[in-house]
Amino acid sequence: MLYQYLLKSILSIIIGVIFANILVETNITAKLNFLIKQMCIVSNLPDGAIVAALTYLFNSTAGKAALAELYRNKRIREDKTTTSAMLCTLPTVLGESLFRVHAPIALVFLGPALGSIYVGLNILSALVQAEAAVN
């Protein structure tokens, strides 16, 4: 049982990192820029940060790998990398953690009322962190 979980996790991470690198190298996300472009404009981040933020929606590990790759290739500065990592907390919470893990489990185990409060506070925390990155 544990080996199946580990194998599934490792395969998911590998696929996510490969997917992120394909997105970064082929610039496919140029068509999807409108999704996160406004947050990047407000926070004064380069287009590479948009790629990382979109990737965070699908897989946070892949998003971190995309951000690290942009930094290693000197396509994004250190201060912008830090801001991007903070800003990408929101897509991570919304995309990966909230809808795939936190919300379903919290609503079942904690009940509708307490589960909704937990999920709401999780979203609020991500919004506060994203706000700090924008300012």
N, C-alpha and C. Protein backbone atom coordinates (compact mmCIF):
# COMPACT_ATOMS: atom_id res chain seq x y z
N MET A 1 0.83 -1.19 0.00
CA MET A 1 0.00 0.00 0.00
C MET A 1 0.88 1.26 0.00
N LEU A 2 1.86 1.30 0.87
CA LEU A 2 2.75 2.45 0.96
C LEU A 2 3.54 2.62 -0.33
N TYR A 3 3.98 1.49 -0.90
CA TYR A 3 4.75 1.56 -2.14
C TYR A 3 3.91 2.09 -3.29
N GLN A 4 2.65 1.73 -3.33
CA GLN A 4 1.76 2.26 -4.37
C GLN A 4 1.62 3.76 -4.24
N TYR A 5 1.46 4.24 -3.01
CA TYR A 5 1.33 5.68 -2.77
C TYR A 5 2.61 6.40 -3.18
N LEU A 6 3.76 5.87 -2.79
CA LEU A 6 5.03 6.48 -3.14
C LEU A 6 5.24 6.49 -4.65
N LEU A 7 4.94 5.37 -5.29
CA LEU A 7 5.09 5.29 -6.74
C LEU A 7 4.18 6.29 -7.44
N LYS A 8 2.95 6.38 -6.97
CA LYS A 8 1.99 7.33 -7.55
C LYS A 8 2.47 8.78 -7.35
N SER A 9 3.00 9.08 -6.17
CA SER A 9 3.50 10.44 -5.88
C SER A 9 4.71 10.77 -6.74
N ILE A 10 5.64 9.84 -6.82
CA ILE A 10 6.85 10.08 -7.61
C ILE A 10 6.51 10.27 -9.09
N LEU A 11 5.64 9.43 -9.61
CA LEU A 11 5.22 9.57 -11.01
C LEU A 11 4.52 10.90 -11.25
N SER A 12 3.68 11.32 -10.31
CA SER A 12 2.99 12.59 -10.44
C SER A 12 3.97 13.75 -10.47
N ILE A 13 4.97 13.71 -9.60
CA ILE A 13 5.98 14.77 -9.57
C ILE A 13 6.79 14.79 -10.85
N ILE A 14 7.21 13.63 -11.32
CA ILE A 14 8.00 13.56 -12.56
C ILE A 14 7.21 14.10 -13.74
N ILE A 15 5.97 13.68 -13.86
CA ILE A 15 5.12 14.15 -14.95
C ILE A 15 4.90 15.66 -14.85
N GLY A 16 4.68 16.15 -13.63
CA GLY A 16 4.48 17.59 -13.43
C GLY A 16 5.70 18.40 -13.80
N VAL A 17 6.88 17.93 -13.41
CA VAL A 17 8.12 18.66 -13.72
C VAL A 17 8.38 18.64 -15.23
N ILE A 18 8.16 17.51 -15.87
CA ILE A 18 8.31 17.44 -17.33
C ILE A 18 7.32 18.38 -18.01
N PHE A 19 6.08 18.36 -17.54
CA PHE A 19 5.04 19.25 -18.09
C PHE A 19 5.44 20.72 -17.92
N ALA A 20 5.96 21.07 -16.75
CA ALA A 20 6.38 22.45 -16.49
C ALA A 20 7.51 22.86 -17.42
N ASN A 21 8.47 21.98 -17.62
CA ASN A 21 9.58 22.30 -18.51
C ASN A 21 9.12 22.44 -19.95
N ILE A 22 8.18 21.62 -20.36
CA ILE A 22 7.63 21.76 -21.72
C ILE A 22 6.93 23.11 -21.86
N LEU A 23 6.14 23.49 -20.85
CA LEU A 23 5.46 24.79 -20.89
C LEU A 23 6.45 25.94 -20.95
N VAL A 24 7.51 25.86 -20.16
CA VAL A 24 8.50 26.93 -20.13
C VAL A 24 9.23 27.03 -21.46
N GLU A 25 9.68 25.91 -21.99
CA GLU A 25 10.50 25.91 -23.20
C GLU A 25 9.71 26.22 -24.47
N THR A 26 8.47 25.78 -24.55
CA THR A 26 7.70 25.99 -25.78
C THR A 26 6.86 27.26 -25.75
N ASN A 27 6.75 27.88 -24.57
CA ASN A 27 5.98 29.11 -24.40
C ASN A 27 4.52 28.94 -24.84
N ILE A 28 3.99 27.77 -24.61
CA ILE A 28 2.59 27.47 -24.94
C ILE A 28 1.66 28.35 -24.12
N THR A 29 2.08 28.72 -22.95
CA THR A 29 1.21 29.46 -22.04
C THR A 29 0.95 30.89 -22.48
N ALA A 30 1.59 31.33 -23.55
CA ALA A 30 1.34 32.69 -24.03
C ALA A 30 -0.15 32.89 -24.32
N LYS A 31 -0.82 31.84 -24.73
CA LYS A 31 -2.26 31.93 -25.01
C LYS A 31 -3.09 31.98 -23.72
N LEU A 32 -2.50 31.54 -22.61
CA LEU A 32 -3.22 31.50 -21.34
C LEU A 32 -2.84 32.64 -20.40
N ASN A 33 -2.06 33.57 -20.89
CA ASN A 33 -1.57 34.66 -20.03
C ASN A 33 -2.68 35.47 -19.38
N PHE A 34 -3.81 35.58 -20.03
CA PHE A 34 -4.89 36.41 -19.49
C PHE A 34 -5.35 35.94 -18.12
N LEU A 35 -5.13 34.67 -17.78
CA LEU A 35 -5.59 34.15 -16.49
C LEU A 35 -4.90 34.81 -15.30
N ILE A 36 -3.60 35.02 -15.41
CA ILE A 36 -2.85 35.53 -14.26
C ILE A 36 -2.11 36.82 -14.60
N LYS A 37 -2.25 37.28 -15.80
CA LYS A 37 -1.52 38.46 -16.26
C LYS A 37 -1.76 39.67 -15.38
N GLN A 38 -2.98 39.90 -14.94
CA GLN A 38 -3.28 41.09 -14.14
C GLN A 38 -2.53 41.08 -12.82
N MET A 39 -2.47 39.92 -12.15
CA MET A 39 -1.73 39.85 -10.89
C MET A 39 -0.25 40.09 -11.12
N CYS A 40 0.27 39.61 -12.24
CA CYS A 40 1.69 39.81 -12.53
C CYS A 40 1.98 41.26 -12.91
N ILE A 41 1.03 41.92 -13.57
CA ILE A 41 1.20 43.33 -13.90
C ILE A 41 1.19 44.17 -12.64
N VAL A 42 0.24 43.90 -11.76
CA VAL A 42 0.13 44.65 -10.52
C VAL A 42 1.38 44.45 -9.66
N SER A 43 1.90 43.24 -9.62
CA SER A 43 3.07 42.97 -8.80
C SER A 43 4.37 43.20 -9.54
N ASN A 44 4.28 43.65 -10.80
CA ASN A 44 5.45 44.00 -11.60
C ASN A 44 6.37 42.79 -11.82
N LEU A 45 5.79 41.67 -12.18
CA LEU A 45 6.56 40.45 -12.42
C LEU A 45 6.71 40.21 -13.92
N PRO A 46 7.79 39.56 -14.34
CA PRO A 46 7.98 39.26 -15.78
C PRO A 46 7.06 38.14 -16.25
N ASP A 47 6.99 37.95 -17.56
CA ASP A 47 6.12 36.94 -18.14
C ASP A 47 6.47 35.52 -17.70
N GLY A 48 7.75 35.28 -17.40
CA GLY A 48 8.14 33.96 -16.92
C GLY A 48 7.41 33.58 -15.64
N ALA A 49 7.10 34.57 -14.83
CA ALA A 49 6.36 34.31 -13.60
C ALA A 49 4.95 33.84 -13.90
N ILE A 50 4.39 34.28 -15.02
CA ILE A 50 3.06 33.84 -15.41
C ILE A 50 3.06 32.35 -15.70
N VAL A 51 4.11 31.90 -16.39
CA VAL A 51 4.23 30.47 -16.68
C VAL A 51 4.27 29.67 -15.39
N ALA A 52 5.09 30.13 -14.44
CA ALA A 52 5.21 29.42 -13.16
C ALA A 52 3.87 29.43 -12.42
N ALA A 53 3.19 30.58 -12.42
CA ALA A 53 1.91 30.67 -11.71
C ALA A 53 0.86 29.75 -12.32
N LEU A 54 0.83 29.66 -13.64
CA LEU A 54 -0.12 28.75 -14.29
C LEU A 54 0.23 27.30 -13.99
N THR A 55 1.51 27.02 -13.92
CA THR A 55 1.93 25.65 -13.62
C THR A 55 1.58 25.29 -12.18
N TYR A 56 1.66 26.25 -11.27
CA TYR A 56 1.29 26.01 -9.88
C TYR A 56 -0.16 25.55 -9.76
N LEU A 57 -1.02 26.00 -10.67
CA LEU A 57 -2.42 25.58 -10.64
C LEU A 57 -2.56 24.07 -10.78
N PHE A 58 -1.69 23.47 -11.59
CA PHE A 58 -1.79 22.05 -11.86
C PHE A 58 -0.99 21.21 -10.88
N ASN A 59 0.21 21.68 -10.53
CA ASN A 59 1.09 20.91 -9.66
C ASN A 59 2.09 21.86 -9.03
N SER A 60 2.05 21.99 -7.71
CA SER A 60 2.93 22.96 -7.05
C SER A 60 4.40 22.59 -7.19
N THR A 61 4.71 21.31 -7.21
CA THR A 61 6.11 20.89 -7.39
C THR A 61 6.60 21.28 -8.77
N ALA A 62 5.75 21.09 -9.77
CA ALA A 62 6.12 21.48 -11.13
C ALA A 62 6.25 23.00 -11.23
N GLY A 63 5.39 23.73 -10.54
CA GLY A 63 5.50 25.19 -10.54
C GLY A 63 6.79 25.66 -9.91
N LYS A 64 7.18 25.03 -8.82
CA LYS A 64 8.45 25.38 -8.18
C LYS A 64 9.62 25.05 -9.09
N ALA A 65 9.52 23.92 -9.79
CA ALA A 65 10.57 23.55 -10.73
C ALA A 65 10.66 24.55 -11.88
N ALA A 66 9.51 25.01 -12.36
CA ALA A 66 9.51 26.01 -13.44
C ALA A 66 10.13 27.31 -12.96
N LEU A 67 9.80 27.73 -11.76
CA LEU A 67 10.36 28.95 -11.18
C LEU A 67 11.86 28.81 -10.98
N ALA A 68 12.29 27.67 -10.49
CA ALA A 68 13.73 27.42 -10.30
C ALA A 68 14.47 27.43 -11.62
N GLU A 69 13.86 26.85 -12.64
CA GLU A 69 14.48 26.83 -13.96
C GLU A 69 14.62 28.24 -14.54
N LEU A 70 13.59 29.05 -14.36
CA LEU A 70 13.66 30.44 -14.82
C LEU A 70 14.77 31.19 -14.09
N TYR A 71 14.90 30.95 -12.80
CA TYR A 71 15.94 31.61 -12.01
C TYR A 71 17.33 31.13 -12.43
N ARG A 72 17.49 29.83 -12.61
CA ARG A 72 18.80 29.28 -13.02
C ARG A 72 19.23 29.81 -14.38
N ASN A 73 18.27 29.97 -15.28
CA ASN A 73 18.59 30.47 -16.62
C ASN A 73 18.67 31.99 -16.68
N LYS A 74 18.56 32.63 -15.51
CA LYS A 74 18.64 34.10 -15.38
C LYS A 74 17.57 34.81 -16.20
N ARG A 75 16.40 34.16 -16.31
CA ARG A 75 15.27 34.80 -16.99
C ARG A 75 14.40 35.55 -16.01
N ILE A 76 14.70 35.38 -14.70
CA ILE A 76 13.96 36.08 -13.65
C ILE A 76 14.95 36.32 -12.51
N ARG A 77 14.90 37.53 -11.93
CA ARG A 77 15.83 37.90 -10.85
C ARG A 77 15.41 37.27 -9.53
N GLU A 78 16.32 37.32 -8.54
CA GLU A 78 16.06 36.70 -7.24
C GLU A 78 14.87 37.33 -6.53
N ASP A 79 14.79 38.66 -6.55
CA ASP A 79 13.67 39.32 -5.87
C ASP A 79 12.33 38.98 -6.53
N LYS A 80 12.34 38.87 -7.83
CA LYS A 80 11.11 38.51 -8.55
C LYS A 80 10.76 37.03 -8.33
N THR A 81 11.78 36.20 -8.13
CA THR A 81 11.54 34.80 -7.83
C THR A 81 10.84 34.66 -6.48
N THR A 82 11.31 35.42 -5.51
CA THR A 82 10.69 35.38 -4.17
C THR A 82 9.26 35.88 -4.23
N THR A 83 9.04 36.98 -4.93
CA THR A 83 7.69 37.53 -5.07
C THR A 83 6.78 36.53 -5.79
N SER A 84 7.31 35.89 -6.83
CA SER A 84 6.52 34.90 -7.57
C SER A 84 6.14 33.73 -6.68
N ALA A 85 7.08 33.27 -5.87
CA ALA A 85 6.78 32.14 -4.98
C ALA A 85 5.68 32.51 -3.99
N MET A 86 5.72 33.74 -3.49
CA MET A 86 4.67 34.19 -2.57
C MET A 86 3.33 34.33 -3.29
N LEU A 87 3.38 34.89 -4.48
CA LEU A 87 2.16 35.11 -5.25
C LEU A 87 1.52 33.78 -5.68
N CYS A 88 2.35 32.80 -5.93
CA CYS A 88 1.86 31.50 -6.41
C CYS A 88 1.23 30.66 -5.32
N THR A 89 1.23 31.14 -4.10
CA THR A 89 0.53 30.42 -3.04
C THR A 89 -0.96 30.36 -3.34
N LEU A 90 -1.51 31.43 -3.88
CA LEU A 90 -2.94 31.46 -4.18
C LEU A 90 -3.33 30.41 -5.22
N PRO A 91 -2.66 30.35 -6.38
CA PRO A 91 -3.02 29.28 -7.33
C PRO A 91 -2.79 27.88 -6.76
N THR A 92 -1.77 27.73 -5.91
CA THR A 92 -1.52 26.43 -5.31
C THR A 92 -2.68 26.03 -4.42
N VAL A 93 -3.11 26.95 -3.57
CA VAL A 93 -4.22 26.65 -2.66
C VAL A 93 -5.49 26.39 -3.45
N LEU A 94 -5.77 27.21 -4.44
CA LEU A 94 -6.99 27.04 -5.22
C LEU A 94 -6.96 25.80 -6.09
N GLY A 95 -5.83 25.59 -6.76
CA GLY A 95 -5.76 24.50 -7.72
C GLY A 95 -5.50 23.13 -7.14
N GLU A 96 -4.43 23.02 -6.38
CA GLU A 96 -4.03 21.70 -5.92
C GLU A 96 -4.57 21.36 -4.54
N SER A 97 -4.32 22.19 -3.59
CA SER A 97 -4.67 21.85 -2.21
C SER A 97 -6.16 21.89 -1.95
N LEU A 98 -6.81 22.96 -2.34
CA LEU A 98 -8.20 23.17 -1.96
C LEU A 98 -9.16 22.19 -2.62
N PHE A 99 -9.17 22.16 -3.94
CA PHE A 99 -10.19 21.38 -4.63
C PHE A 99 -9.87 19.89 -4.69
N ARG A 100 -8.61 19.54 -4.58
CA ARG A 100 -8.25 18.13 -4.66
C ARG A 100 -8.06 17.48 -3.30
N VAL A 101 -7.72 18.25 -2.29
CA VAL A 101 -7.40 17.65 -1.00
C VAL A 101 -8.19 18.27 0.13
N HIS A 102 -7.94 19.52 0.42
CA HIS A 102 -8.49 20.14 1.62
C HIS A 102 -10.01 20.18 1.66
N ALA A 103 -10.62 20.72 0.65
CA ALA A 103 -12.07 20.90 0.68
C ALA A 103 -12.82 19.56 0.82
N PRO A 104 -12.55 18.58 -0.03
CA PRO A 104 -13.31 17.34 0.12
C PRO A 104 -13.11 16.66 1.48
N ILE A 105 -11.88 16.63 1.94
CA ILE A 105 -11.61 15.97 3.22
C ILE A 105 -12.16 16.78 4.39
N ALA A 106 -11.96 18.09 4.35
CA ALA A 106 -12.43 18.94 5.45
C ALA A 106 -13.95 18.90 5.57
N LEU A 107 -14.63 18.96 4.46
CA LEU A 107 -16.09 18.95 4.51
C LEU A 107 -16.65 17.61 5.01
N VAL A 108 -15.96 16.53 4.70
CA VAL A 108 -16.42 15.22 5.15
C VAL A 108 -16.07 14.99 6.62
N PHE A 109 -14.82 15.24 6.98
CA PHE A 109 -14.38 14.94 8.34
C PHE A 109 -14.83 15.97 9.37
N LEU A 110 -14.85 17.24 8.98
CA LEU A 110 -15.20 18.29 9.94
C LEU A 110 -16.66 18.68 9.89
N GLY A 111 -17.36 18.25 8.87
CA GLY A 111 -18.75 18.63 8.71
C GLY A 111 -18.85 19.89 7.87
N PRO A 112 -20.05 20.19 7.37
CA PRO A 112 -20.21 21.33 6.48
C PRO A 112 -19.84 22.68 7.11
N ALA A 113 -20.24 22.91 8.34
CA ALA A 113 -19.99 24.22 8.96
C ALA A 113 -18.51 24.42 9.27
N LEU A 114 -17.94 23.54 10.05
CA LEU A 114 -16.53 23.69 10.44
C LEU A 114 -15.61 23.49 9.24
N GLY A 115 -15.97 22.58 8.35
CA GLY A 115 -15.18 22.36 7.13
C GLY A 115 -15.15 23.60 6.25
N SER A 116 -16.29 24.28 6.14
CA SER A 116 -16.35 25.52 5.34
C SER A 116 -15.51 26.62 5.97
N ILE A 117 -15.53 26.70 7.28
CA ILE A 117 -14.69 27.70 7.97
C ILE A 117 -13.22 27.40 7.72
N TYR A 118 -12.83 26.14 7.83
CA TYR A 118 -11.44 25.74 7.59
C TYR A 118 -11.02 26.09 6.17
N VAL A 119 -11.84 25.73 5.20
CA VAL A 119 -11.52 26.01 3.80
C VAL A 119 -11.46 27.52 3.56
N GLY A 120 -12.42 28.25 4.14
CA GLY A 120 -12.42 29.71 3.99
C GLY A 120 -11.18 30.36 4.57
N LEU A 121 -10.76 29.90 5.74
CA LEU A 121 -9.55 30.45 6.34
C LEU A 121 -8.30 30.10 5.53
N ASN A 122 -8.30 28.94 4.92
CA ASN A 122 -7.19 28.55 4.05
C ASN A 122 -7.11 29.48 2.84
N ILE A 123 -8.25 29.78 2.25
CA ILE A 123 -8.28 30.70 1.10
C ILE A 123 -7.90 32.11 1.54
N LEU A 124 -8.40 32.54 2.68
CA LEU A 124 -8.07 33.86 3.20
C LEU A 124 -6.56 33.99 3.44
N SER A 125 -5.95 32.97 3.99
CA SER A 125 -4.52 32.97 4.23
C SER A 125 -3.74 33.12 2.91
N ALA A 126 -4.16 32.39 1.88
CA ALA A 126 -3.51 32.49 0.57
C ALA A 126 -3.71 33.87 -0.04
N LEU A 127 -4.91 34.44 0.14
CA LEU A 127 -5.17 35.79 -0.38
C LEU A 127 -4.30 36.84 0.32
N VAL A 128 -4.13 36.70 1.62
CA VAL A 128 -3.28 37.64 2.38
C VAL A 128 -1.84 37.54 1.88
N GLN A 129 -1.36 36.33 1.67
CA GLN A 129 0.01 36.15 1.18
C GLN A 129 0.16 36.71 -0.23
N ALA A 130 -0.83 36.48 -1.09
CA ALA A 130 -0.77 37.03 -2.45
C ALA A 130 -0.82 38.55 -2.43
N GLU A 131 -1.62 39.11 -1.53
CA GLU A 131 -1.69 40.57 -1.37
C GLU A 131 -0.34 41.12 -0.95
N ALA A 132 0.33 40.45 -0.04
CA ALA A 132 1.66 40.88 0.39
C ALA A 132 2.65 40.85 -0.76
N ALA A 133 2.50 39.87 -1.65
CA ALA A 133 3.40 39.79 -2.82
C ALA A 133 3.12 40.89 -3.81
N VAL A 134 1.86 41.25 -3.95
CA VAL A 134 1.49 42.30 -4.90
C VAL A 134 1.99 43.66 -4.43
N ASN A 135 1.97 43.89 -3.13
CA ASN A 135 2.42 45.18 -2.59
C ASN A 135 3.86 45.15 -2.35
